[in-house]
N, C-alpha and C. Protein backbone atom coordinates (compact mmCIF):
# COMPACT_ATOMS: atom_id res chain seq x y z
N MET A 1 226.12 78.93 209.88
CA MET A 1 226.74 80.15 209.40
C MET A 1 226.41 80.33 207.48
N ASP A 2 225.73 81.58 207.74
CA ASP A 2 225.72 81.93 206.15
C ASP A 2 226.85 82.62 205.94
N LEU A 3 226.87 82.92 204.74
CA LEU A 3 228.28 82.86 203.76
C LEU A 3 228.70 84.46 204.11
N ARG A 4 228.06 85.32 204.60
CA ARG A 4 228.19 86.22 204.61
C ARG A 4 228.84 86.27 206.29
N THR A 5 227.88 85.77 207.01
CA THR A 5 228.44 86.01 208.37
C THR A 5 229.64 84.84 208.46
N GLU A 6 230.01 84.02 207.89
CA GLU A 6 231.57 83.72 208.06
C GLU A 6 232.62 84.01 207.30
N GLU A 7 232.18 85.23 206.40
CA GLU A 7 233.19 86.02 206.13
C GLU A 7 233.39 87.14 207.34
N LEU A 8 232.51 87.42 207.90
CA LEU A 8 232.75 88.57 208.94
C LEU A 8 233.78 87.74 210.07
N TYR A 9 233.54 86.39 210.29
CA TYR A 9 234.16 85.78 211.41
C TYR A 9 235.61 85.44 210.46
N GLU A 10 235.87 85.03 209.56
CA GLU A 10 237.19 85.09 209.20
C GLU A 10 237.74 86.10 208.97
N LEU A 11 237.31 87.67 209.01
CA LEU A 11 237.64 89.10 209.12
C LEU A 11 238.30 89.57 210.12
N HIS A 12 237.10 89.08 211.19
CA HIS A 12 237.37 90.13 212.00
C HIS A 12 237.42 89.23 213.65
N SER A 13 236.93 87.69 213.52
CA SER A 13 236.92 86.99 214.99
C SER A 13 238.21 87.12 215.82
N THR A 14 239.58 87.62 215.54
CA THR A 14 240.69 87.60 216.45
C THR A 14 240.49 89.08 217.46
N SER A 15 240.00 89.91 216.19
CA SER A 15 240.15 91.21 216.75
C SER A 15 239.22 91.31 217.89
N ILE A 16 237.84 90.49 217.51
CA ILE A 16 236.65 90.51 218.80
C ILE A 16 236.67 89.66 219.64
N TYR A 17 237.58 88.34 219.44
CA TYR A 17 238.22 87.86 220.55
C TYR A 17 238.74 88.90 221.98
N LYS A 18 240.04 89.55 221.15
CA LYS A 18 240.85 90.13 221.91
C LYS A 18 240.01 91.19 222.37
N PHE A 19 239.66 91.68 221.80
CA PHE A 19 238.71 93.00 222.56
C PHE A 19 237.42 92.52 223.68
N ILE A 20 237.00 91.02 223.68
CA ILE A 20 236.44 90.61 224.60
C ILE A 20 236.72 89.99 225.66
N LEU A 21 238.25 89.55 225.25
CA LEU A 21 239.15 89.16 226.29
C LEU A 21 240.06 89.85 227.33
N LEU A 22 239.74 91.85 226.67
CA LEU A 22 240.49 92.51 227.49
C LEU A 22 239.07 92.76 228.14
N MET A 23 237.80 92.85 227.88
CA MET A 23 237.00 93.31 228.53
C MET A 23 236.59 92.43 230.18
N VAL A 24 236.78 90.83 229.78
CA VAL A 24 236.43 90.04 230.82
C VAL A 24 237.55 89.00 231.23
N SER A 25 238.76 89.57 230.13
CA SER A 25 240.04 88.69 231.26
C SER A 25 239.78 87.07 231.70
N HIS A 26 239.51 86.35 231.30
CA HIS A 26 239.20 84.93 231.02
C HIS A 26 239.00 84.10 229.78
N PRO A 27 240.05 83.34 229.15
CA PRO A 27 240.16 83.06 227.65
C PRO A 27 238.54 82.00 227.25
N GLU A 28 238.40 81.68 228.41
CA GLU A 28 237.17 80.52 227.82
C GLU A 28 236.09 81.11 228.29
N THR A 29 235.73 82.18 229.23
CA THR A 29 235.13 82.98 228.62
C THR A 29 234.70 83.73 227.31
N ALA A 30 235.77 84.53 227.51
CA ALA A 30 236.30 85.16 225.86
C ALA A 30 235.82 84.49 224.90
N GLU A 31 236.27 83.02 224.52
CA GLU A 31 235.90 82.24 223.59
C GLU A 31 234.33 81.96 223.44
N ASP A 32 233.54 82.08 224.64
CA ASP A 32 231.85 81.52 224.71
C ASP A 32 231.74 82.50 224.32
N LEU A 33 232.08 83.86 224.44
CA LEU A 33 231.23 85.17 224.39
C LEU A 33 231.80 85.67 223.13
N THR A 34 232.86 85.16 221.98
CA THR A 34 232.74 85.75 220.87
C THR A 34 232.02 84.70 220.19
N GLN A 35 231.52 83.84 220.32
CA GLN A 35 230.85 82.56 219.76
C GLN A 35 229.47 83.27 219.69
N GLU A 36 229.07 83.58 220.58
CA GLU A 36 227.66 84.42 221.05
C GLU A 36 227.28 85.23 220.43
N THR A 37 229.09 86.48 219.86
CA THR A 37 228.87 87.69 219.01
C THR A 37 228.22 87.37 217.74
N TYR A 38 228.65 86.01 217.36
CA TYR A 38 228.70 85.49 215.77
C TYR A 38 227.44 85.03 215.96
N ILE A 39 226.73 84.55 216.53
CA ILE A 39 225.32 83.77 216.56
C ILE A 39 224.32 84.69 216.72
N ARG A 40 224.92 86.21 217.63
CA ARG A 40 223.75 87.40 217.19
C ARG A 40 224.17 87.97 215.94
N CYS A 41 225.52 88.14 215.35
CA CYS A 41 225.62 88.77 213.95
C CYS A 41 224.76 88.08 212.94
N HIS A 42 224.55 86.87 213.09
CA HIS A 42 224.36 85.62 212.01
C HIS A 42 222.62 86.16 211.98
N LYS A 43 222.20 86.13 213.62
CA LYS A 43 220.52 86.34 213.63
C LYS A 43 220.13 87.54 213.16
N ASN A 44 221.13 88.80 212.90
CA ASN A 44 220.61 89.99 213.10
C ASN A 44 221.14 90.70 211.71
N ILE A 45 221.97 90.25 210.78
CA ILE A 45 222.87 90.61 209.48
C ILE A 45 222.01 91.16 208.79
N GLN A 46 220.81 90.93 208.35
CA GLN A 46 219.85 91.50 207.70
C GLN A 46 219.49 92.75 208.32
N HIS A 47 219.62 93.11 209.17
CA HIS A 47 219.28 94.57 210.18
C HIS A 47 220.81 95.30 210.01
N PHE A 48 221.56 94.97 209.25
CA PHE A 48 223.35 95.79 208.90
C PHE A 48 223.15 96.69 208.30
N ARG A 49 222.58 97.84 208.33
CA ARG A 49 222.67 98.97 207.25
C ARG A 49 224.02 99.67 206.72
N GLY A 50 224.64 99.45 207.50
CA GLY A 50 226.09 100.03 206.63
C GLY A 50 226.39 101.29 207.31
N GLU A 51 225.70 102.06 208.08
CA GLU A 51 225.87 103.03 208.19
C GLU A 51 227.47 103.16 209.41
N ALA A 52 227.91 102.33 209.52
CA ALA A 52 228.95 102.02 210.82
C ALA A 52 229.90 100.82 210.27
N SER A 53 231.03 100.68 210.04
CA SER A 53 232.00 99.99 209.11
C SER A 53 231.49 98.67 210.12
N GLU A 54 231.69 97.34 209.54
CA GLU A 54 231.35 96.35 210.00
C GLU A 54 232.13 95.68 211.27
N LEU A 55 233.62 96.10 211.57
CA LEU A 55 233.64 95.59 212.66
C LEU A 55 233.56 96.58 213.46
N THR A 56 233.03 97.69 213.63
CA THR A 56 232.28 98.80 214.46
C THR A 56 230.69 98.06 214.52
N TRP A 57 230.17 97.57 214.01
CA TRP A 57 229.10 96.88 214.01
C TRP A 57 229.02 95.44 215.16
N LEU A 58 230.36 94.62 214.39
CA LEU A 58 230.52 93.72 215.52
C LEU A 58 231.09 94.01 217.07
N ARG A 59 231.48 95.12 216.98
CA ARG A 59 231.81 95.44 218.29
C ARG A 59 230.68 95.82 219.23
N LYS A 60 230.09 96.71 219.06
CA LYS A 60 228.77 97.14 219.32
C LYS A 60 228.27 95.29 220.09
N ILE A 61 227.74 94.52 219.26
CA ILE A 61 227.24 93.28 219.42
C ILE A 61 227.96 92.37 220.28
N ALA A 62 229.56 92.44 220.02
CA ALA A 62 230.24 92.28 221.55
C ALA A 62 229.99 92.78 222.74
N ARG A 63 230.08 94.19 222.97
CA ARG A 63 230.08 94.51 223.50
C ARG A 63 228.60 94.43 224.31
N ASN A 64 227.34 94.50 223.48
CA ASN A 64 226.06 94.02 224.64
C ASN A 64 226.29 92.86 224.81
N VAL A 65 227.14 91.53 224.10
CA VAL A 65 227.18 90.39 224.83
C VAL A 65 227.84 90.32 226.18
N VAL A 66 229.10 90.90 226.01
CA VAL A 66 229.65 91.36 227.31
C VAL A 66 228.82 91.58 228.73
N TYR A 67 227.93 93.00 228.19
CA TYR A 67 226.56 93.54 229.26
C TYR A 67 225.72 92.65 230.03
N ASP A 68 225.32 91.69 228.57
CA ASP A 68 224.56 90.19 228.90
C ASP A 68 225.24 89.61 230.16
N TYR A 69 226.44 89.05 229.64
CA TYR A 69 227.46 88.47 230.47
C TYR A 69 227.59 88.60 232.11
N TYR A 70 227.87 89.96 232.39
CA TYR A 70 227.90 90.48 233.34
C TYR A 70 226.32 90.73 234.38
N LYS A 71 225.39 91.13 233.42
CA LYS A 71 224.13 91.07 234.08
C LYS A 71 223.95 89.75 234.86
N ARG A 72 224.12 88.43 234.02
CA ARG A 72 223.61 87.27 234.50
C ARG A 72 224.56 87.17 235.68
N GLN A 73 225.75 87.72 235.42
CA GLN A 73 226.91 87.07 236.49
C GLN A 73 226.55 87.56 238.12
N ARG A 74 226.22 88.88 237.99
CA ARG A 74 225.09 89.49 239.07
C ARG A 74 224.24 88.83 239.43
N ILE A 75 223.19 88.77 238.39
CA ILE A 75 221.71 87.81 238.83
C ILE A 75 222.30 86.58 239.84
N LEU A 76 222.71 86.39 239.30
CA LEU A 76 223.83 84.61 240.14
C LEU A 76 224.42 84.79 241.09
N SER A 77 225.37 85.88 241.47
CA SER A 77 225.76 86.09 243.15
C SER A 77 225.05 86.32 243.89
N PHE A 78 223.37 86.75 243.62
CA PHE A 78 222.17 86.43 243.84
C PHE A 78 221.52 85.46 244.82
N ILE A 79 221.70 84.47 243.96
CA ILE A 79 221.64 83.11 244.35
C ILE A 79 222.40 82.38 245.27
N PRO A 80 221.15 82.37 246.85
CA PRO A 80 221.75 82.10 247.41
C PRO A 80 222.31 80.26 248.17
N PHE A 81 221.82 80.03 246.85
CA PHE A 81 222.65 78.18 247.60
C PHE A 81 223.68 78.24 246.37
N THR A 82 224.26 79.29 245.78
CA THR A 82 225.61 79.35 244.87
C THR A 82 226.38 79.44 245.56
N SER A 83 227.47 78.88 246.18
CA SER A 83 228.52 78.87 246.99
C SER A 83 229.71 80.20 246.45
N LYS A 84 230.24 81.20 247.13
CA LYS A 84 230.94 82.20 246.71
C LYS A 84 232.25 81.44 245.61
N HIS A 85 232.66 80.23 245.64
CA HIS A 85 233.40 79.89 245.13
C HIS A 85 232.98 79.41 244.02
N GLU A 86 231.99 78.96 243.89
CA GLU A 86 231.31 78.69 242.50
C GLU A 86 230.95 79.76 242.08
N ARG A 87 230.95 81.04 242.41
CA ARG A 87 230.44 82.07 241.48
C ARG A 87 231.80 83.34 241.78
N GLU A 88 232.57 83.20 242.07
CA GLU A 88 234.19 83.63 241.06
C GLU A 88 234.54 83.23 240.65
N GLU A 89 234.91 83.73 239.23
CA GLU A 89 235.94 83.40 238.08
C GLU A 89 237.19 83.76 238.44
N LYS A 90 238.30 83.03 237.77
CA LYS A 90 239.45 83.17 238.21
C LYS A 90 239.65 84.05 236.87
N THR A 91 240.29 85.31 237.38
CA THR A 91 240.96 86.05 235.96
C THR A 91 242.52 85.45 235.69
N TYR A 92 242.61 85.33 234.37
CA TYR A 92 243.69 85.00 233.75
C TYR A 92 244.14 86.16 232.90
N VAL A 93 245.51 86.32 232.81
CA VAL A 93 246.10 87.24 232.04
C VAL A 93 246.25 86.96 230.67
N PRO A 94 246.14 86.76 229.93
CA PRO A 94 246.33 86.55 228.42
C PRO A 94 247.95 86.41 228.00
N HIS A 95 248.21 84.86 227.09
CA HIS A 95 249.36 84.82 227.19
C HIS A 95 250.07 85.86 226.17
N GLU A 96 249.88 86.60 225.67
CA GLU A 96 250.20 88.12 225.11
C GLU A 96 251.03 89.14 225.86
N TRP A 97 250.42 89.11 227.12
CA TRP A 97 250.51 89.89 228.14
C TRP A 97 251.98 89.70 229.02
N LEU A 98 251.75 88.20 228.75
CA LEU A 98 253.30 87.54 229.81
C LEU A 98 254.43 87.66 229.25
N LEU A 99 254.29 87.97 227.86
CA LEU A 99 255.34 87.75 226.95
C LEU A 99 255.75 89.66 227.10
N ALA A 100 255.18 90.32 227.46
CA ALA A 100 255.26 92.13 227.00
C ALA A 100 255.71 92.45 228.13
N ASP A 101 256.42 93.44 228.57
CA ASP A 101 257.45 93.68 228.91
C ASP A 101 256.67 94.01 230.25
N GLU A 102 257.44 94.69 231.47
CA GLU A 102 257.01 95.01 232.61
C GLU A 102 256.08 95.88 232.80
N GLU A 103 256.42 97.35 231.89
CA GLU A 103 255.19 98.53 231.67
C GLU A 103 253.41 98.14 231.42
N THR A 104 254.00 97.40 230.05
CA THR A 104 252.93 96.38 229.56
C THR A 104 251.98 95.76 230.70
N GLN A 105 252.66 94.96 231.32
CA GLN A 105 251.78 94.35 232.21
C GLN A 105 251.31 94.89 233.19
N ALA A 106 252.09 95.71 233.54
CA ALA A 106 251.44 96.71 234.50
C ALA A 106 250.11 97.65 234.54
N LEU A 107 250.66 97.98 232.87
CA LEU A 107 249.09 98.61 232.33
C LEU A 107 248.03 97.79 231.65
N TYR A 108 248.04 96.47 231.97
CA TYR A 108 247.34 95.64 231.34
C TYR A 108 246.06 95.19 232.63
N THR A 109 247.34 95.39 233.66
CA THR A 109 246.50 94.79 235.26
C THR A 109 245.97 96.09 235.25
N ALA A 110 246.03 97.02 235.81
CA ALA A 110 245.53 98.06 236.04
C ALA A 110 244.05 98.49 235.09
N ILE A 111 243.99 98.37 233.84
CA ILE A 111 243.03 97.99 232.88
C ILE A 111 241.89 97.65 233.47
N GLN A 112 242.15 96.55 233.87
CA GLN A 112 241.25 95.22 234.68
C GLN A 112 240.67 95.93 235.67
N LYS A 113 241.52 96.93 236.75
CA LYS A 113 240.59 97.26 238.07
C LYS A 113 240.09 98.50 237.58
N LEU A 114 239.95 99.22 236.17
CA LEU A 114 239.24 100.33 235.84
C LEU A 114 237.94 100.02 236.10
N LYS A 115 237.07 100.97 236.69
CA LYS A 115 235.37 101.32 236.53
C LYS A 115 235.09 100.25 234.89
N PHE A 116 234.10 99.68 234.85
CA PHE A 116 234.04 99.67 233.50
C PHE A 116 233.96 99.95 232.60
N THR A 117 233.36 101.29 232.45
CA THR A 117 232.64 102.01 231.66
C THR A 117 234.19 102.57 230.98
N TYR A 118 234.77 103.16 232.26
CA TYR A 118 236.27 103.58 232.15
C TYR A 118 237.17 102.42 230.69
N ARG A 119 236.76 101.25 231.44
CA ARG A 119 237.87 100.04 230.81
C ARG A 119 237.34 100.21 228.98
N GLU A 120 236.01 100.10 229.29
CA GLU A 120 235.43 100.09 227.60
C GLU A 120 236.36 101.03 226.31
N ALA A 121 236.09 102.39 227.34
CA ALA A 121 236.69 103.64 226.73
C ALA A 121 237.82 103.29 226.09
N ILE A 122 238.77 103.01 227.21
CA ILE A 122 240.53 102.78 226.78
C ILE A 122 240.62 101.63 226.36
N ILE A 123 239.65 100.59 226.36
CA ILE A 123 240.27 99.63 225.58
C ILE A 123 240.09 100.08 224.05
N LEU A 124 238.77 100.46 223.90
CA LEU A 124 238.28 100.72 222.04
C LEU A 124 239.13 102.10 221.76
N ARG A 125 239.49 103.01 222.62
CA ARG A 125 240.22 104.40 222.16
C ARG A 125 241.60 103.86 221.84
N LYS A 126 242.24 103.69 223.20
CA LYS A 126 243.56 103.93 222.71
C LYS A 126 244.69 102.37 222.70
N ILE A 127 243.32 101.53 222.90
CA ILE A 127 244.10 99.83 222.41
C ILE A 127 244.04 99.42 221.17
N GLU A 128 242.30 99.69 220.41
CA GLU A 128 242.18 99.23 219.44
C GLU A 128 241.92 100.45 218.34
N GLY A 129 242.04 101.71 218.54
CA GLY A 129 242.27 102.48 217.62
C GLY A 129 241.24 103.23 217.62
N PHE A 130 240.34 103.55 218.03
CA PHE A 130 238.60 103.29 217.57
C PHE A 130 238.77 104.64 217.62
N SER A 131 238.09 106.07 216.63
CA SER A 131 237.95 107.49 216.78
C SER A 131 237.34 107.50 217.90
N ILE A 132 236.90 108.84 218.02
CA ILE A 132 235.82 109.34 219.18
C ILE A 132 234.57 108.51 218.54
N LYS A 133 234.33 109.13 217.24
CA LYS A 133 233.08 108.94 217.01
C LYS A 133 232.67 107.60 216.88
N GLU A 134 233.46 107.10 216.15
CA GLU A 134 233.60 104.92 215.98
C GLU A 134 233.07 104.76 217.58
N THR A 135 233.80 105.12 218.49
CA THR A 135 234.00 104.38 220.15
C THR A 135 232.28 105.19 220.85
N ALA A 136 231.63 106.29 220.07
CA ALA A 136 230.33 106.59 220.54
C ALA A 136 229.58 106.30 220.34
N LYS A 137 229.27 105.28 218.68
CA LYS A 137 228.39 104.88 217.82
C LYS A 137 228.60 102.97 218.81
N ILE A 138 229.73 102.32 218.96
CA ILE A 138 229.92 101.50 219.88
C ILE A 138 229.40 101.27 221.01
N LEU A 139 229.42 102.19 221.90
CA LEU A 139 228.99 102.12 223.27
C LEU A 139 227.82 102.92 223.62
N CYS A 140 227.29 103.47 222.09
CA CYS A 140 225.48 103.96 222.10
C CYS A 140 225.45 105.24 223.00
N CYS A 141 226.62 105.99 222.86
CA CYS A 141 226.88 107.33 223.71
C CYS A 141 227.48 108.18 222.82
N SER A 142 227.06 109.77 224.00
CA SER A 142 228.08 111.15 222.89
C SER A 142 229.32 110.74 222.52
N GLU A 143 229.86 111.59 222.12
CA GLU A 143 231.24 112.13 221.86
C GLU A 143 231.78 112.70 223.04
N ALA A 144 231.20 113.39 223.98
CA ALA A 144 231.77 114.02 225.12
C ALA A 144 231.79 113.15 226.08
N LYS A 145 230.71 111.84 225.85
CA LYS A 145 231.17 110.78 227.35
C LYS A 145 232.19 110.01 227.09
N VAL A 146 232.77 109.78 225.61
CA VAL A 146 233.30 109.08 225.39
C VAL A 146 234.82 109.80 225.85
N LYS A 147 234.97 110.66 225.62
CA LYS A 147 236.38 112.02 225.84
C LYS A 147 236.32 111.48 227.21
N ASN A 148 234.97 112.08 227.91
CA ASN A 148 235.21 112.17 229.25
C ASN A 148 235.15 110.52 230.36
N ASP A 149 235.10 109.45 229.73
CA ASP A 149 235.29 108.48 229.88
C ASP A 149 237.10 107.81 229.77
N THR A 150 237.32 108.40 228.54
CA THR A 150 238.65 108.27 228.22
C THR A 150 239.68 109.07 229.03
N ALA A 151 239.07 110.33 229.74
CA ALA A 151 240.10 111.08 230.21
C ALA A 151 240.09 110.97 231.39
N ARG A 152 238.82 110.19 232.27
CA ARG A 152 238.98 109.66 233.92
C ARG A 152 239.86 108.46 233.71
N GLY A 153 239.62 107.67 232.49
CA GLY A 153 240.15 106.13 232.82
C GLY A 153 241.65 106.28 232.79
N ILE A 154 242.27 107.17 232.04
CA ILE A 154 243.43 107.22 232.20
C ILE A 154 243.69 108.12 233.34
N GLU A 155 243.00 108.96 233.89
CA GLU A 155 243.30 109.81 234.93
C GLU A 155 243.40 108.44 236.30
N GLN A 156 242.31 107.71 235.96
CA GLN A 156 242.58 106.57 237.14
C GLN A 156 243.56 105.72 236.72
N LEU A 157 244.31 105.41 235.54
CA LEU A 157 245.66 104.77 235.46
C LEU A 157 246.30 105.03 235.87
N GLN A 158 246.32 106.16 235.74
CA GLN A 158 247.58 107.60 236.37
C GLN A 158 247.92 107.05 237.79
N HIS A 159 246.91 107.21 238.59
CA HIS A 159 246.51 106.74 239.95
C HIS A 159 247.01 105.35 240.37
N LEU A 160 246.73 104.60 239.37
CA LEU A 160 246.62 103.23 239.74
C LEU A 160 248.30 102.60 239.52
N LEU A 161 248.78 103.18 238.59
CA LEU A 161 250.29 103.35 238.54
C LEU A 161 251.60 104.30 238.68
N GLU A 162 250.82 105.01 239.87
CA GLU A 162 251.80 106.17 240.49
C GLU A 162 251.91 106.89 239.37
N GLY A 163 251.15 107.23 238.47
CA GLY A 163 251.85 108.38 237.41
C GLY A 163 252.73 107.88 236.69
N ASP A 164 253.16 106.84 236.49
CA ASP A 164 254.02 106.44 234.84
C ASP A 164 252.89 105.79 233.88
N VAL A 165 252.25 106.33 233.05
CA VAL A 165 251.31 105.87 232.00
C VAL A 165 251.51 107.05 231.25
N ASP A 166 252.77 107.32 231.01
CA ASP A 166 252.95 108.32 229.47
C ASP A 166 252.90 107.42 228.23
N TYR A 167 252.69 106.48 228.07
CA TYR A 167 253.04 105.73 226.93
C TYR A 167 251.39 105.51 226.84
N VAL A 168 250.34 105.65 227.41
CA VAL A 168 248.89 105.41 226.98
C VAL A 168 248.54 106.56 226.19
């Protein structure tokens, strides 16, 4: 890694890892995908124009890495010689969630059940605290889509949690 990539890693790797972990729910996979994010960062650092913050740019890379991971998983699931138990990846709950109160545990468990686009919007907007504009840049979509996906995700969370989601 060059000096710039190392600096970005030191500043943002924990945040990127947590974001990816929320998306994939598996610590080892999140570690691998975080590493892949910084490999792509290193390869493309010269293309960073500074139009968004470094963290926003890294989140976009991480999001694309997670998308690619899920695409590979779907392709692998169609390979007939791979048994079902080999394709299924056990979902782990991050250690921090185990220490959280019951409401928080229920919320994070419900988030994992959301449609992927809703999950992304909820994680970026409500957990990571990105603005609508920043979230739209990360997700490469309109601000209206971010608002809709966030609202629909919250609605689905409320349904999953039986209406007990005032703290989102």
